[in-house]
Amino acid sequence: MTSLSANLSAGDMMESPLHHHVAHTNHSDAGIVMKEDKFRGHLNLRGNPEDTAFTSAVESVLGVALPITANTSVRSGDTVAYWLCPNEWLLIVASGTQGQVEADLRLAVANKGADQHIAITDISSGQTLVNLSGSGVAELLQKSTVYDCHVSNFPVGKVVQTTFAKTGTTMCKLEDGSMDLVIRRSFSDYFFLWLQDASEEYGLQIA
């Protein structure tokens, strides 16, 4: 399957889910900084983690081994793999490469003779990746999600599927203490309006 973004020519206009909020900026020392990592490729991968042919095939394409421990992630350069459940992962790859990565994964799995009970779905057009950073992030998360994001319960690299206000999200903590959130495109406006209101006391900047 070839992704929409892979088919777009250089002259075509692409708009991110949050493109119309980019003008919303605040003072430089805002306590919340939001950055949309635009147009990243999102692939949903399903397979048997006990099938070494499958896992080695995926590793040969991604350059990193799939995380098989619950609620963990691995990353290398522009490639990130999130554990979602024992046989499901979210792969985030460089913009415009998702079609090729999908094709390479299918070929590698076939060449390795892996168990054919696999699925690879390009969901790039339905999601976006947002990073939240700043001195007020911990307090913002306390009021926005039911999950305990305290540093003692949310180490670097941990991945959880939870809610941000009333929208579903997959969250992952980065080494710099910021939080990546994967949200559905259809909830992007709601997400931003909540963020705008919830961050009023800290100040909000769009990077």
Protein backbone atom coordinates (compact mmCIF):
# COMPACT_ATOMS: atom_id res chain seq x y z
CA MET A 1 0.00 0.00 0.00
CA THR A 2 1.38 3.40 -0.97
CA SER A 3 0.75 6.23 1.44
CA LEU A 4 -0.90 9.52 0.51
CA SER A 5 2.15 11.58 1.43
CA ALA A 6 4.39 9.33 -0.65
CA ASN A 7 2.29 10.17 -3.71
CA LEU A 8 2.43 13.92 -3.24
CA SER A 9 4.75 15.82 -5.53
CA ALA A 10 6.96 18.67 -4.37
CA GLY A 11 4.44 21.16 -5.74
CA ASP A 12 1.51 19.78 -3.78
CA MET A 13 0.43 21.48 -0.57
CA MET A 14 0.41 19.41 2.60
CA GLU A 15 -1.26 20.66 5.74
CA SER A 16 -0.68 19.19 9.16
CA PRO A 17 -3.67 18.61 11.47
CA LEU A 18 -2.60 21.57 13.62
CA HIS A 19 -1.39 23.89 10.86
CA HIS A 20 -4.01 26.57 11.57
CA HIS A 21 -2.85 26.93 15.18
CA VAL A 22 0.77 27.67 14.29
CA ALA A 23 0.30 31.42 14.76
CA HIS A 24 -0.63 30.97 18.41
CA THR A 25 2.57 31.91 20.21
CA ASN A 26 3.30 33.37 23.60
CA HIS A 27 6.29 34.80 25.44
CA SER A 28 9.60 33.01 25.02
CA ASP A 29 9.64 31.76 28.62
CA ALA A 30 6.25 30.03 28.35
CA GLY A 31 5.88 27.07 30.69
CA ILE A 32 4.41 24.86 27.95
CA VAL A 33 5.96 24.47 24.52
CA MET A 34 4.08 22.48 21.90
CA LYS A 35 5.74 21.24 18.74
CA GLU A 36 3.96 19.19 16.10
CA ASP A 37 6.31 16.70 14.45
CA LYS A 38 4.60 17.11 11.10
CA PHE A 39 4.04 14.47 8.46
CA ARG A 40 5.83 11.60 10.16
CA GLY A 41 4.99 8.15 8.82
CA HIS A 42 2.83 6.00 11.14
CA LEU A 43 2.62 2.24 10.60
CA ASN A 44 0.65 -0.21 12.71
CA LEU A 45 2.43 -3.56 12.82
CA ARG A 46 1.07 -6.87 14.08
CA GLY A 47 2.95 -10.13 14.34
CA ASN A 48 4.16 -12.91 16.59
CA PRO A 49 7.01 -11.73 18.86
CA GLU A 50 7.99 -15.37 19.49
CA ASP A 51 8.62 -15.91 15.79
CA THR A 52 12.32 -15.11 15.41
CA ALA A 53 11.98 -14.96 11.64
CA PHE A 54 9.43 -12.17 12.06
CA THR A 55 11.38 -10.19 14.64
CA SER A 56 14.69 -10.50 12.78
CA ALA A 57 13.03 -9.43 9.52
CA VAL A 58 11.62 -6.33 11.19
CA GLU A 59 14.95 -5.52 12.81
CA SER A 60 16.74 -5.81 9.47
CA VAL A 61 14.48 -3.09 8.06
CA LEU A 62 14.15 -0.75 11.05
CA GLY A 63 17.69 -1.07 12.32
CA VAL A 64 16.41 -1.70 15.86
CA ALA A 65 14.82 -4.70 17.55
CA LEU A 66 11.11 -4.51 18.31
CA PRO A 67 10.37 -3.82 21.99
CA ILE A 68 8.76 -6.91 23.49
CA THR A 69 8.52 -5.73 27.09
CA ALA A 70 5.19 -4.16 27.96
CA ASN A 71 4.95 -0.37 27.71
CA THR A 72 8.44 0.16 26.30
CA SER A 73 9.84 1.77 23.19
CA VAL A 74 13.00 1.80 21.09
CA ARG A 75 14.29 4.54 18.83
CA SER A 76 17.10 5.06 16.37
CA GLY A 77 17.33 8.31 14.45
CA ASP A 78 13.94 9.07 12.90
CA THR A 79 12.57 5.60 13.64
CA VAL A 80 10.59 4.84 16.79
CA ALA A 81 8.78 1.64 17.76
CA TYR A 82 6.13 1.73 20.49
CA TRP A 83 4.90 -1.46 22.20
CA LEU A 84 1.09 -1.38 22.19
CA CYS A 85 0.25 -4.96 23.20
CA PRO A 86 2.01 -8.36 23.02
CA ASN A 87 1.54 -8.63 19.25
CA GLU A 88 1.11 -5.01 18.15
CA TRP A 89 3.44 -2.05 17.67
CA LEU A 90 3.25 1.51 16.38
CA LEU A 91 6.16 2.40 14.11
CA ILE A 92 6.94 6.06 13.50
CA VAL A 93 9.31 6.72 10.62
CA ALA A 94 10.68 9.66 8.67
CA SER A 95 8.23 11.73 6.66
CA GLY A 96 7.46 10.28 3.26
CA THR A 97 9.24 6.96 3.88
CA GLN A 98 6.31 4.98 5.24
CA GLY A 99 5.38 3.47 1.87
CA GLN A 100 8.91 2.20 1.31
CA VAL A 101 9.25 0.96 4.90
CA GLU A 102 6.00 -0.96 4.56
CA ALA A 103 7.15 -2.54 1.30
CA ASP A 104 10.55 -3.39 2.78
CA LEU A 105 8.93 -5.00 5.82
CA ARG A 106 6.67 -7.17 3.68
CA LEU A 107 9.58 -8.28 1.52
CA ALA A 108 11.85 -8.98 4.49
CA VAL A 109 9.19 -11.02 6.27
CA ALA A 110 8.53 -13.03 3.12
CA ASN A 111 12.25 -13.66 2.55
CA LYS A 112 12.74 -14.80 6.14
CA GLY A 113 9.90 -17.26 5.84
CA ALA A 114 8.16 -15.80 8.87
CA ASP A 115 4.76 -16.79 10.15
CA GLN A 116 2.38 -15.12 7.70
CA HIS A 117 -0.11 -14.05 10.37
CA ILE A 118 1.08 -10.46 10.18
CA ALA A 119 -0.49 -7.13 9.33
CA ILE A 120 1.06 -3.81 8.34
CA THR A 121 -1.23 -0.81 8.02
CA ASP A 122 -0.31 2.73 7.02
CA ILE A 123 -2.23 5.02 9.37
CA SER A 124 -0.19 8.16 8.72
CA SER A 125 -3.10 10.23 7.46
CA GLY A 126 -5.15 9.58 10.59
CA GLN A 127 -2.64 10.59 13.26
CA THR A 128 -0.12 13.22 14.22
CA LEU A 129 2.75 13.40 16.69
CA VAL A 130 2.95 16.25 19.19
CA ASN A 131 5.74 16.99 21.68
CA LEU A 132 5.06 18.84 24.92
CA SER A 133 7.94 20.34 26.88
CA GLY A 134 8.59 23.12 29.37
CA SER A 135 8.59 23.76 33.09
CA GLY A 136 4.81 23.33 33.37
CA VAL A 137 4.45 19.98 31.64
CA ALA A 138 4.16 17.90 34.81
CA GLU A 139 1.35 20.09 36.16
CA LEU A 140 -0.36 20.18 32.77
CA LEU A 141 -0.41 16.39 32.59
CA GLN A 142 -1.80 16.15 36.13
CA LYS A 143 -4.90 18.04 35.03
CA SER A 144 -5.15 16.48 31.56
CA THR A 145 -4.72 12.72 31.97
CA VAL A 146 -5.84 10.10 34.47
CA TYR A 147 -2.51 8.28 34.17
CA ASP A 148 0.14 8.89 36.81
CA CYS A 149 2.92 10.67 34.92
CA HIS A 150 5.09 11.31 37.96
CA VAL A 151 8.77 10.67 37.29
CA SER A 152 8.72 7.71 39.69
CA ASN A 153 6.03 6.01 37.59
CA PHE A 154 6.93 7.24 34.12
CA PRO A 155 10.61 6.65 33.25
CA VAL A 156 12.22 7.64 29.98
CA GLY A 157 11.09 5.42 27.12
CA LYS A 158 7.88 4.27 28.78
CA VAL A 159 4.80 4.11 26.53
CA VAL A 160 1.19 4.17 27.69
CA GLN A 161 -2.13 4.31 25.91
CA THR A 162 -4.40 6.59 27.88
CA THR A 163 -6.48 9.73 27.48
CA PHE A 164 -5.58 13.40 27.26
CA ALA A 165 -8.76 15.11 28.42
CA LYS A 166 -11.32 13.20 26.34
CA THR A 167 -9.15 12.12 23.42
CA GLY A 168 -7.21 8.91 23.25
CA THR A 169 -3.44 9.21 23.04
CA THR A 170 -0.27 7.15 23.08
CA MET A 171 2.33 8.88 25.24
CA CYS A 172 6.07 8.32 25.46
CA LYS A 173 8.60 10.09 27.65
CA LEU A 174 11.83 11.33 26.04
CA GLU A 175 15.30 11.69 27.52
CA ASP A 176 14.96 15.47 27.81
CA GLY A 177 11.88 15.04 30.02
CA SER A 178 9.42 16.11 27.33
CA MET A 179 6.46 13.97 26.32
CA ASP A 180 5.52 12.76 22.85
CA LEU A 181 1.79 12.29 22.28
CA VAL A 182 0.27 10.54 19.29
CA ILE A 183 -3.25 11.83 18.71
CA ARG A 184 -5.88 11.21 16.09
CA ARG A 185 -6.21 13.82 13.38
CA SER A 186 -9.96 14.07 13.97
CA PHE A 187 -9.31 15.15 17.58
CA SER A 188 -6.52 17.63 16.84
CA ASP A 189 -8.68 20.75 17.18
CA TYR A 190 -10.16 19.50 20.44
CA PHE A 191 -6.69 18.62 21.70
CA PHE A 192 -5.36 22.09 20.96
CA LEU A 193 -8.32 23.93 22.46
CA TRP A 194 -7.94 21.90 25.67
CA LEU A 195 -4.19 22.51 25.68
CA GLN A 196 -4.70 26.23 25.14
CA ASP A 197 -7.09 26.46 28.07
CA ALA A 198 -5.18 24.12 30.42
CA SER A 199 -1.87 25.92 29.83
CA GLU A 200 -3.18 29.44 30.34
CA GLU A 201 -1.55 29.77 33.76
CA TYR A 202 1.86 28.66 32.44
CA GLY A 203 1.91 30.34 29.05
CA LEU A 204 1.85 28.45 25.76
CA GLN A 205 4.33 28.67 22.92
CA ILE A 206 4.07 26.88 19.57
CA ALA A 207 7.54 25.88 18.41
